[in-house]
């Protein structure tokens, strides 16, 4: 059985730096979510937020963090736009 091809997660370097600087437990939760998202790219967030580029981004609450993204189906990528701490 052939599994469907996964999407790549793409993000600005600053976003990966935030992820890299998180506590291990928080980072693991977000990595698990991104892994799931790469296999289910149409997965909706908990809410949507408009971005400056006019695109609507999905926002998922993962622990104490907001993960913003949008799927680019044309190139099979998940565009990760921001990881932000909930205060």
PDB file of N, CA and C in Angstrom:
ATOM      1  N   UNK A   1       0.830  -1.169   0.000  1.00  0.00           N
ATOM      2  CA  UNK A   1       0.000   0.000   0.000  1.00  0.00           C
ATOM      3  C   UNK A   1       0.886   1.247   0.000  1.00  0.00           C
ATOM      4  N   UNK A   2       0.594   2.155  -0.927  1.00  0.00           N
ATOM      5  CA  UNK A   2       1.368   3.376  -1.023  1.00  0.00           C
ATOM      6  C   UNK A   2       0.712   4.477  -0.192  1.00  0.00           C
ATOM      7  N   UNK A   3       1.483   5.064   0.733  1.00  0.00           N
ATOM      8  CA  UNK A   3       0.970   6.137   1.564  1.00  0.00           C
ATOM      9  C   UNK A   3       0.990   7.452   0.787  1.00  0.00           C
ATOM     10  N   UNK A   4       0.045   8.346   1.064  1.00  0.00           N
ATOM     11  CA  UNK A   4       0.056   9.638   0.381  1.00  0.00           C
ATOM     12  C   UNK A   4       1.303  10.438   0.750  1.00  0.00           C
ATOM     13  N   UNK A   5       1.772  11.201  -0.203  1.00  0.00           N
ATOM     14  CA  UNK A   5       2.955  12.023   0.016  1.00  0.00           C
ATOM     15  C   UNK A   5       2.654  13.115   1.036  1.00  0.00           C
ATOM     16  N   UNK A   6       3.550  13.330   1.957  1.00  0.00           N
ATOM     17  CA  UNK A   6       3.338  14.349   2.975  1.00  0.00           C
ATOM     18  C   UNK A   6       3.720  15.724   2.447  1.00  0.00           C
ATOM     19  N   UNK A   7       3.260  16.750   3.134  1.00  0.00           N
ATOM     20  CA  UNK A   7       3.624  18.122   2.816  1.00  0.00           C
ATOM     21  C   UNK A   7       4.879  18.489   3.610  1.00  0.00           C
ATOM     22  N   UNK A   8       5.662  19.395   3.070  1.00  0.00           N
ATOM     23  CA  UNK A   8       6.828  19.926   3.779  1.00  0.00           C
ATOM     24  C   UNK A   8       6.381  21.116   4.613  1.00  0.00           C
ATOM     25  N   UNK A   9       6.958  21.279   5.787  1.00  0.00           N
ATOM     26  CA  UNK A   9       6.696  22.450   6.614  1.00  0.00           C
ATOM     27  C   UNK A   9       7.786  23.467   6.310  1.00  0.00           C
ATOM     28  N   UNK A  10       7.351  24.663   5.905  1.00  0.00           N
ATOM     29  CA  UNK A  10       8.270  25.733   5.514  1.00  0.00           C
ATOM     30  C   UNK A  10       7.994  26.942   6.394  1.00  0.00           C
ATOM     31  N   UNK A  11       9.054  27.590   6.876  1.00  0.00           N
ATOM     32  CA  UNK A  11       8.869  28.743   7.756  1.00  0.00           C
ATOM     33  C   UNK A  11      10.075  29.669   7.672  1.00  0.00           C
ATOM     34  N   UNK A  12       9.863  30.933   8.024  1.00  0.00           N
ATOM     35  CA  UNK A  12      11.000  31.841   8.143  1.00  0.00           C
ATOM     36  C   UNK A  12      11.949  31.362   9.242  1.00  0.00           C
ATOM     37  N   UNK A  13      13.199  31.675   9.107  1.00  0.00           N
ATOM     38  CA  UNK A  13      14.201  31.255  10.084  1.00  0.00           C
ATOM     39  C   UNK A  13      13.839  31.732  11.491  1.00  0.00           C
ATOM     40  N   UNK A  14      13.302  32.925  11.617  1.00  0.00           N
ATOM     41  CA  UNK A  14      12.933  33.455  12.938  1.00  0.00           C
ATOM     42  C   UNK A  14      11.899  32.562  13.625  1.00  0.00           C
ATOM     43  N   UNK A  15      10.996  31.990  12.863  1.00  0.00           N
ATOM     44  CA  UNK A  15       9.981  31.101  13.431  1.00  0.00           C
ATOM     45  C   UNK A  15      10.620  29.810  13.934  1.00  0.00           C
ATOM     46  N   UNK A  16      11.566  29.272  13.183  1.00  0.00           N
ATOM     47  CA  UNK A  16      12.274  28.073  13.638  1.00  0.00           C
ATOM     48  C   UNK A  16      13.128  28.375  14.873  1.00  0.00           C
ATOM     49  N   UNK A  17      13.656  29.588  14.960  1.00  0.00           N
ATOM     50  CA  UNK A  17      14.439  29.967  16.139  1.00  0.00           C
ATOM     51  C   UNK A  17      13.557  29.973  17.389  1.00  0.00           C
ATOM     52  N   UNK A  18      12.317  30.446  17.258  1.00  0.00           N
ATOM     53  CA  UNK A  18      11.386  30.412  18.386  1.00  0.00           C
ATOM     54  C   UNK A  18      11.171  28.962  18.805  1.00  0.00           C
ATOM     55  N   UNK A  19      10.905  28.101  17.845  1.00  0.00           N
ATOM     56  CA  UNK A  19      10.671  26.685  18.137  1.00  0.00           C
ATOM     57  C   UNK A  19      11.884  26.062  18.820  1.00  0.00           C
ATOM     58  N   UNK A  20      13.051  26.372  18.325  1.00  0.00           N
ATOM     59  CA  UNK A  20      14.280  25.808  18.882  1.00  0.00           C
ATOM     60  C   UNK A  20      14.532  26.264  20.314  1.00  0.00           C
ATOM     61  N   UNK A  21      14.055  27.467  20.662  1.00  0.00           N
ATOM     62  CA  UNK A  21      14.287  28.011  21.995  1.00  0.00           C
ATOM     63  C   UNK A  21      13.271  27.587  23.047  1.00  0.00           C
ATOM     64  N   UNK A  22      12.280  26.815  22.667  1.00  0.00           N
ATOM     65  CA  UNK A  22      11.244  26.403  23.615  1.00  0.00           C
ATOM     66  C   UNK A  22      11.727  25.300  24.544  1.00  0.00           C
ATOM     67  N   UNK A  23      11.018  25.198  25.682  1.00  0.00           N
ATOM     68  CA  UNK A  23      11.277  24.062  26.569  1.00  0.00           C
ATOM     69  C   UNK A  23      10.977  22.783  25.792  1.00  0.00           C
ATOM     70  N   UNK A  24      11.639  21.744  26.165  1.00  0.00           N
ATOM     71  CA  UNK A  24      11.518  20.471  25.443  1.00  0.00           C
ATOM     72  C   UNK A  24      10.066  19.983  25.333  1.00  0.00           C
ATOM     73  N   UNK A  25       9.299  20.085  26.418  1.00  0.00           N
ATOM     74  CA  UNK A  25       7.914  19.597  26.386  1.00  0.00           C
ATOM     75  C   UNK A  25       7.056  20.425  25.437  1.00  0.00           C
ATOM     76  N   UNK A  26       7.233  21.753  25.452  1.00  0.00           N
ATOM     77  CA  UNK A  26       6.474  22.612  24.545  1.00  0.00           C
ATOM     78  C   UNK A  26       6.871  22.358  23.090  1.00  0.00           C
ATOM     79  N   UNK A  27       8.175  22.260  22.862  1.00  0.00           N
ATOM     80  CA  UNK A  27       8.665  22.008  21.504  1.00  0.00           C
ATOM     81  C   UNK A  27       8.128  20.686  20.967  1.00  0.00           C
ATOM     82  N   UNK A  28       8.104  19.685  21.803  1.00  0.00           N
ATOM     83  CA  UNK A  28       7.626  18.366  21.377  1.00  0.00           C
ATOM     84  C   UNK A  28       6.143  18.407  20.987  1.00  0.00           C
ATOM     85  N   UNK A  29       5.335  19.122  21.764  1.00  0.00           N
ATOM     86  CA  UNK A  29       3.911  19.251  21.435  1.00  0.00           C
ATOM     87  C   UNK A  29       3.716  19.912  20.074  1.00  0.00           C
ATOM     88  N   UNK A  30       4.474  20.974  19.834  1.00  0.00           N
ATOM     89  CA  UNK A  30       4.348  21.677  18.556  1.00  0.00           C
ATOM     90  C   UNK A  30       4.876  20.818  17.419  1.00  0.00           C
ATOM     91  N   UNK A  31       5.990  20.139  17.628  1.00  0.00           N
ATOM     92  CA  UNK A  31       6.528  19.246  16.593  1.00  0.00           C
ATOM     93  C   UNK A  31       5.535  18.129  16.267  1.00  0.00           C
ATOM     94  N   UNK A  32       4.886  17.573  17.273  1.00  0.00           N
ATOM     95  CA  UNK A  32       3.882  16.528  17.046  1.00  0.00           C
ATOM     96  C   UNK A  32       2.727  17.064  16.210  1.00  0.00           C
ATOM     97  N   UNK A  33       2.280  18.290  16.529  1.00  0.00           N
ATOM     98  CA  UNK A  33       1.213  18.900  15.747  1.00  0.00           C
ATOM     99  C   UNK A  33       1.657  19.112  14.294  1.00  0.00           C
ATOM    100  N   UNK A  34       2.871  19.611  14.087  1.00  0.00           N
ATOM    101  CA  UNK A  34       3.360  19.859  12.727  1.00  0.00           C
ATOM    102  C   UNK A  34       3.504  18.555  11.945  1.00  0.00           C
ATOM    103  N   UNK A  35       3.918  17.505  12.606  1.00  0.00           N
ATOM    104  CA  UNK A  35       4.021  16.196  11.968  1.00  0.00           C
ATOM    105  C   UNK A  35       2.643  15.734  11.495  1.00  0.00           C
ATOM    106  N   UNK A  36       1.656  15.885  12.375  1.00  0.00           N
ATOM    107  CA  UNK A  36       0.274  15.515  12.012  1.00  0.00           C
ATOM    108  C   UNK A  36      -0.232  16.386  10.872  1.00  0.00           C
ATOM    109  N   UNK A  37       0.065  17.664  10.932  1.00  0.00           N
ATOM    110  CA  UNK A  37      -0.369  18.599   9.902  1.00  0.00           C
ATOM    111  C   UNK A  37       0.264  18.270   8.543  1.00  0.00           C
ATOM    112  N   UNK A  38       1.498  17.813   8.551  1.00  0.00           N
ATOM    113  CA  UNK A  38       2.163  17.467   7.287  1.00  0.00           C
ATOM    114  C   UNK A  38       1.485  16.277   6.600  1.00  0.00           C
ATOM    115  N   UNK A  39       0.792  15.463   7.369  1.00  0.00           N
ATOM    116  CA  UNK A  39       0.057  14.313   6.825  1.00  0.00           C
ATOM    117  C   UNK A  39      -1.420  14.607   6.584  1.00  0.00           C
ATOM    118  N   UNK A  40      -1.916  15.656   7.225  1.00  0.00           N
ATOM    119  CA  UNK A  40      -3.310  16.091   7.063  1.00  0.00           C
ATOM    120  C   UNK A  40      -3.319  17.604   6.800  1.00  0.00           C
ATOM    121  N   UNK A  41      -2.873  18.032   5.636  1.00  0.00           N
ATOM    122  CA  UNK A  41      -2.682  19.466   5.374  1.00  0.00           C
ATOM    123  C   UNK A  41      -3.966  20.291   5.368  1.00  0.00           C
ATOM    124  N   UNK A  42      -5.105  19.681   5.274  1.00  0.00           N
ATOM    125  CA  UNK A  42      -6.361  20.431   5.303  1.00  0.00           C
ATOM    126  C   UNK A  42      -6.921  20.556   6.715  1.00  0.00           C
ATOM    127  N   UNK A  43      -6.143  20.147   7.693  1.00  0.00           N
ATOM    128  CA  UNK A  43      -6.560  20.218   9.088  1.00  0.00           C
ATOM    129  C   UNK A  43      -6.800  21.674   9.479  1.00  0.00           C
ATOM    130  N   UNK A  44      -7.983  21.952   9.972  1.00  0.00           N
ATOM    131  CA  UNK A  44      -8.327  23.315  10.374  1.00  0.00           C
ATOM    132  C   UNK A  44      -7.719  23.637  11.729  1.00  0.00           C
ATOM    133  N   UNK A  45      -7.436  24.910  11.919  1.00  0.00           N
ATOM    134  CA  UNK A  45      -6.983  25.375  13.212  1.00  0.00           C
ATOM    135  C   UNK A  45      -8.171  25.551  14.145  1.00  0.00           C
ATOM    136  N   UNK A  46      -7.916  26.119  15.308  1.00  0.00           N
ATOM    137  CA  UNK A  46      -8.985  26.405  16.253  1.00  0.00           C
ATOM    138  C   UNK A  46      -9.756  27.661  15.846  1.00  0.00           C
ATOM    139  N   UNK A  47      -9.075  28.542  15.105  1.00  0.00           N
ATOM    140  CA  UNK A  47      -9.728  29.724  14.544  1.00  0.00           C
ATOM    141  C   UNK A  47      -8.893  30.225  13.369  1.00  0.00           C
ATOM    142  N   UNK A  48      -9.448  31.188  12.649  1.00  0.00           N
ATOM    143  CA  UNK A  48      -8.758  31.776  11.506  1.00  0.00           C
ATOM    144  C   UNK A  48      -8.403  33.222  11.825  1.00  0.00           C
ATOM    145  N   UNK A  49      -7.315  33.704  11.216  1.00  0.00           N
ATOM    146  CA  UNK A  49      -6.891  35.088  11.412  1.00  0.00           C
ATOM    147  C   UNK A  49      -6.414  35.646  10.076  1.00  0.00           C
ATOM    148  N   UNK A  50      -6.877  36.836   9.714  1.00  0.00           N
ATOM    149  CA  UNK A  50      -6.395  37.448   8.480  1.00  0.00           C
ATOM    150  C   UNK A  50      -4.944  37.912   8.656  1.00  0.00           C
ATOM    151  N   UNK A  51      -4.179  37.811   7.601  1.00  0.00           N
ATOM    152  CA  UNK A  51      -2.785  38.243   7.638  1.00  0.00           C
ATOM    153  C   UNK A  51      -2.611  39.491   6.775  1.00  0.00           C
ATOM    154  N   UNK A  52      -1.472  40.138   6.917  1.00  0.00           N
ATOM    155  CA  UNK A  52      -1.186  41.347   6.151  1.00  0.00           C
ATOM    156  C   UNK A  52      -1.181  41.102   4.648  1.00  0.00           C
ATOM    157  N   UNK A  53      -0.883  39.871   4.245  1.00  0.00           N
ATOM    158  CA  UNK A  53      -0.821  39.555   2.817  1.00  0.00           C
ATOM    159  C   UNK A  53      -2.192  39.273   2.216  1.00  0.00           C
ATOM    160  N   UNK A  54      -3.254  39.408   3.030  1.00  0.00           N
ATOM    161  CA  UNK A  54      -4.604  39.176   2.545  1.00  0.00           C
ATOM    162  C   UNK A  54      -5.063  37.728   2.653  1.00  0.00           C
ATOM    163  N   UNK A  55      -4.170  36.868   3.001  1.00  0.00           N
ATOM    164  CA  UNK A  55      -4.475  35.447   3.140  1.00  0.00           C
ATOM    165  C   UNK A  55      -5.061  35.177   4.527  1.00  0.00           C
ATOM    166  N   UNK A  56      -5.912  34.193   4.634  1.00  0.00           N
ATOM    167  CA  UNK A  56      -6.455  33.785   5.924  1.00  0.00           C
ATOM    168  C   UNK A  56      -5.593  32.640   6.456  1.00  0.00           C
ATOM    169  N   UNK A  57      -5.051  32.835   7.640  1.00  0.00           N
ATOM    170  CA  UNK A  57      -4.198  31.826   8.255  1.00  0.00           C
ATOM    171  C   UNK A  57      -5.003  31.029   9.275  1.00  0.00           C
ATOM    172  N   UNK A  58      -4.705  29.751   9.365  1.00  0.00           N
ATOM    173  CA  UNK A  58      -5.263  28.903  10.409  1.00  0.00           C
ATOM    174  C   UNK A  58      -4.415  29.107  11.661  1.00  0.00           C
ATOM    175  N   UNK A  59      -5.056  29.119  12.816  1.00  0.00           N
ATOM    176  CA  UNK A  59      -4.332  29.272  14.075  1.00  0.00           C
ATOM    177  C   UNK A  59      -4.754  28.137  14.995  1.00  0.00           C
ATOM    178  N   UNK A  60      -3.776  27.382  15.449  1.00  0.00           N
ATOM    179  CA  UNK A  60      -4.015  26.235  16.334  1.00  0.00           C
ATOM    180  C   UNK A  60      -3.409  26.526  17.700  1.00  0.00           C
ATOM    181  N   UNK A  61      -4.182  26.273  18.737  1.00  0.00           N
ATOM    182  CA  UNK A  61      -3.671  26.399  20.103  1.00  0.00           C
ATOM    183  C   UNK A  61      -2.991  25.084  20.459  1.00  0.00           C
ATOM    184  N   UNK A  62      -1.710  25.156  20.786  1.00  0.00           N
ATOM    185  CA  UNK A  62      -0.942  23.974  21.169  1.00  0.00           C
ATOM    186  C   UNK A  62      -0.304  24.280  22.523  1.00  0.00           C
ATOM    187  N   UNK A  63      -0.911  23.767  23.571  1.00  0.00           N
ATOM    188  CA  UNK A  63      -0.439  24.086  24.922  1.00  0.00           C
ATOM    189  C   UNK A  63      -0.608  25.574  25.182  1.00  0.00           C
ATOM    190  N   UNK A  64       0.491  26.242  25.507  1.00  0.00           N
ATOM    191  CA  UNK A  64       0.494  27.690  25.764  1.00  0.00           C
ATOM    192  C   UNK A  64       0.929  28.489  24.546  1.00  0.00           C
ATOM    193  N   UNK A  65       0.816  27.901  23.366  1.00  0.00           N
ATOM    194  CA  UNK A  65       1.329  28.533  22.153  1.00  0.00           C
ATOM    195  C   UNK A  65       0.282  28.583  21.051  1.00  0.00           C
ATOM    196  N   UNK A  66       0.355  29.628  20.235  1.00  0.00           N
ATOM    197  CA  UNK A  66      -0.455  29.741  19.028  1.00  0.00           C
ATOM    198  C   UNK A  66       0.443  29.445  17.843  1.00  0.00           C
ATOM    199  N   UNK A  67       0.025  28.525  16.997  1.00  0.00           N
ATOM    200  CA  UNK A  67       0.773  28.168  15.799  1.00  0.00           C
ATOM    201  C   UNK A  67      -0.067  28.611  14.603  1.00  0.00           C
ATOM    202  N   UNK A  68       0.467  29.570  13.826  1.00  0.00           N
ATOM    203  CA  UNK A  68      -0.240  30.097  12.654  1.00  0.00           C
ATOM    204  C   UNK A  68       0.366  29.496  11.387  1.00  0.00           C
ATOM    205  N   UNK A  69      -0.517  29.107  10.464  1.00  0.00           N
ATOM    206  CA  UNK A  69      -0.060  28.442   9.243  1.00  0.00           C
ATOM    207  C   UNK A  69      -1.114  28.539   8.155  1.00  0.00           C
ATOM    208  N   UNK A  70      -0.698  28.214   6.955  1.00  0.00           N
ATOM    209  CA  UNK A  70      -1.645  28.045   5.845  1.00  0.00           C
ATOM    210  C   UNK A  70      -1.072  27.007   4.896  1.00  0.00           C
ATOM    211  N   UNK A  71      -1.932  26.154   4.357  1.00  0.00           N
ATOM    212  CA  UNK A  71      -1.457  25.129   3.417  1.00  0.00           C
ATOM    213  C   UNK A  71      -1.350  25.706   2.006  1.00  0.00           C
ATOM    214  N   UNK A  72      -0.236  25.434   1.365  1.00  0.00           N
ATOM    215  CA  UNK A  72      -0.042  25.815  -0.042  1.00  0.00           C
ATOM    216  C   UNK A  72      -0.119  24.522  -0.845  1.00  0.00           C
ATOM    217  N   UNK A  73      -1.327  24.178  -1.260  1.00  0.00           N
ATOM    218  CA  UNK A  73      -1.561  22.897  -1.918  1.00  0.00           C
ATOM    219  C   UNK A  73      -0.857  22.790  -3.270  1.00  0.00           C
ATOM    220  N   UNK A  74      -0.644  23.913  -3.929  1.00  0.00           N
ATOM    221  CA  UNK A  74      -0.009  23.892  -5.251  1.00  0.00           C
ATOM    222  C   UNK A  74       1.397  23.299  -5.195  1.00  0.00           C
ATOM    223  N   UNK A  75       2.104  23.549  -4.100  1.00  0.00           N
ATOM    224  CA  UNK A  75       3.484  23.046  -3.976  1.00  0.00           C
ATOM    225  C   UNK A  75       3.642  22.047  -2.834  1.00  0.00           C
ATOM    226  N   UNK A  76       2.505  21.623  -2.252  1.00  0.00           N
ATOM    227  CA  UNK A  76       2.491  20.625  -1.177  1.00  0.00           C
ATOM    228  C   UNK A  76       3.364  21.048   0.012  1.00  0.00           C
ATOM    229  N   UNK A  77       3.074  22.270   0.497  1.00  0.00           N
ATOM    230  CA  UNK A  77       3.804  22.801   1.641  1.00  0.00           C
ATOM    231  C   UNK A  77       2.827  23.373   2.669  1.00  0.00           C
ATOM    232  N   UNK A  78       3.224  23.286   3.923  1.00  0.00           N
ATOM    233  CA  UNK A  78       2.555  23.986   5.010  1.00  0.00           C
ATOM    234  C   UNK A  78       3.427  25.192   5.302  1.00  0.00           C
ATOM    235  N   UNK A  79       2.863  26.370   5.132  1.00  0.00           N
ATOM    236  CA  UNK A  79       3.592  27.617   5.391  1.00  0.00           C
ATOM    237  C   UNK A  79       3.330  28.031   6.830  1.00  0.00           C
ATOM    238  N   UNK A  80       4.323  27.822   7.659  1.00  0.00           N
ATOM    239  CA  UNK A  80       4.243  28.176   9.070  1.00  0.00           C
ATOM    240  C   UNK A  80       4.596  29.660   9.178  1.00  0.00           C
ATOM    241  N   UNK A  81       3.668  30.473   9.677  1.00  0.00           N
ATOM    242  CA  UNK A  81       3.920  31.910   9.690  1.00  0.00           C
ATOM    243  C   UNK A  81       4.358  32.445  11.050  1.00  0.00           C
ATOM    244  N   UNK A  82       3.911  31.809  12.124  1.00  0.00           N
ATOM    245  CA  UNK A  82       4.287  32.341  13.441  1.00  0.00           C
ATOM    246  C   UNK A  82       4.025  31.316  14.533  1.00  0.00           C
ATOM    247  N   UNK A  83       4.870  31.368  15.547  1.00  0.00           N
ATOM    248  CA  UNK A  83       4.650  30.627  16.801  1.00  0.00           C
ATOM    249  C   UNK A  83       4.708  31.686  17.882  1.00  0.00           C
ATOM    250  N   UNK A  84       3.603  31.829  18.612  1.00  0.00           N
ATOM    251  CA  UNK A  84       3.473  32.924  19.561  1.00  0.00           C
ATOM    252  C   UNK A  84       2.985  32.395  20.901  1.00  0.00           C
ATOM    253  N   UNK A  85       3.608  32.875  21.975  1.00  0.00           N
ATOM    254  CA  UNK A  85       3.222  32.462  23.332  1.00  0.00           C
ATOM    255  C   UNK A  85       1.918  33.142  23.725  1.00  0.00           C
ATOM    256  N   UNK A  86       1.024  32.378  24.357  1.00  0.00           N
ATOM    257  CA  UNK A  86      -0.228  32.926  24.873  1.00  0.00           C
ATOM    258  C   UNK A  86       0.048  33.482  26.265  1.00  0.00           C
ATOM    259  N   UNK A  87      -0.274  34.722  26.463  1.00  0.00           N
ATOM    260  CA  UNK A  87      -0.022  35.348  27.778  1.00  0.00           C
ATOM    261  C   UNK A  87      -1.274  35.505  28.573  1.00  0.00           C
TER     262      UNK A  87
END
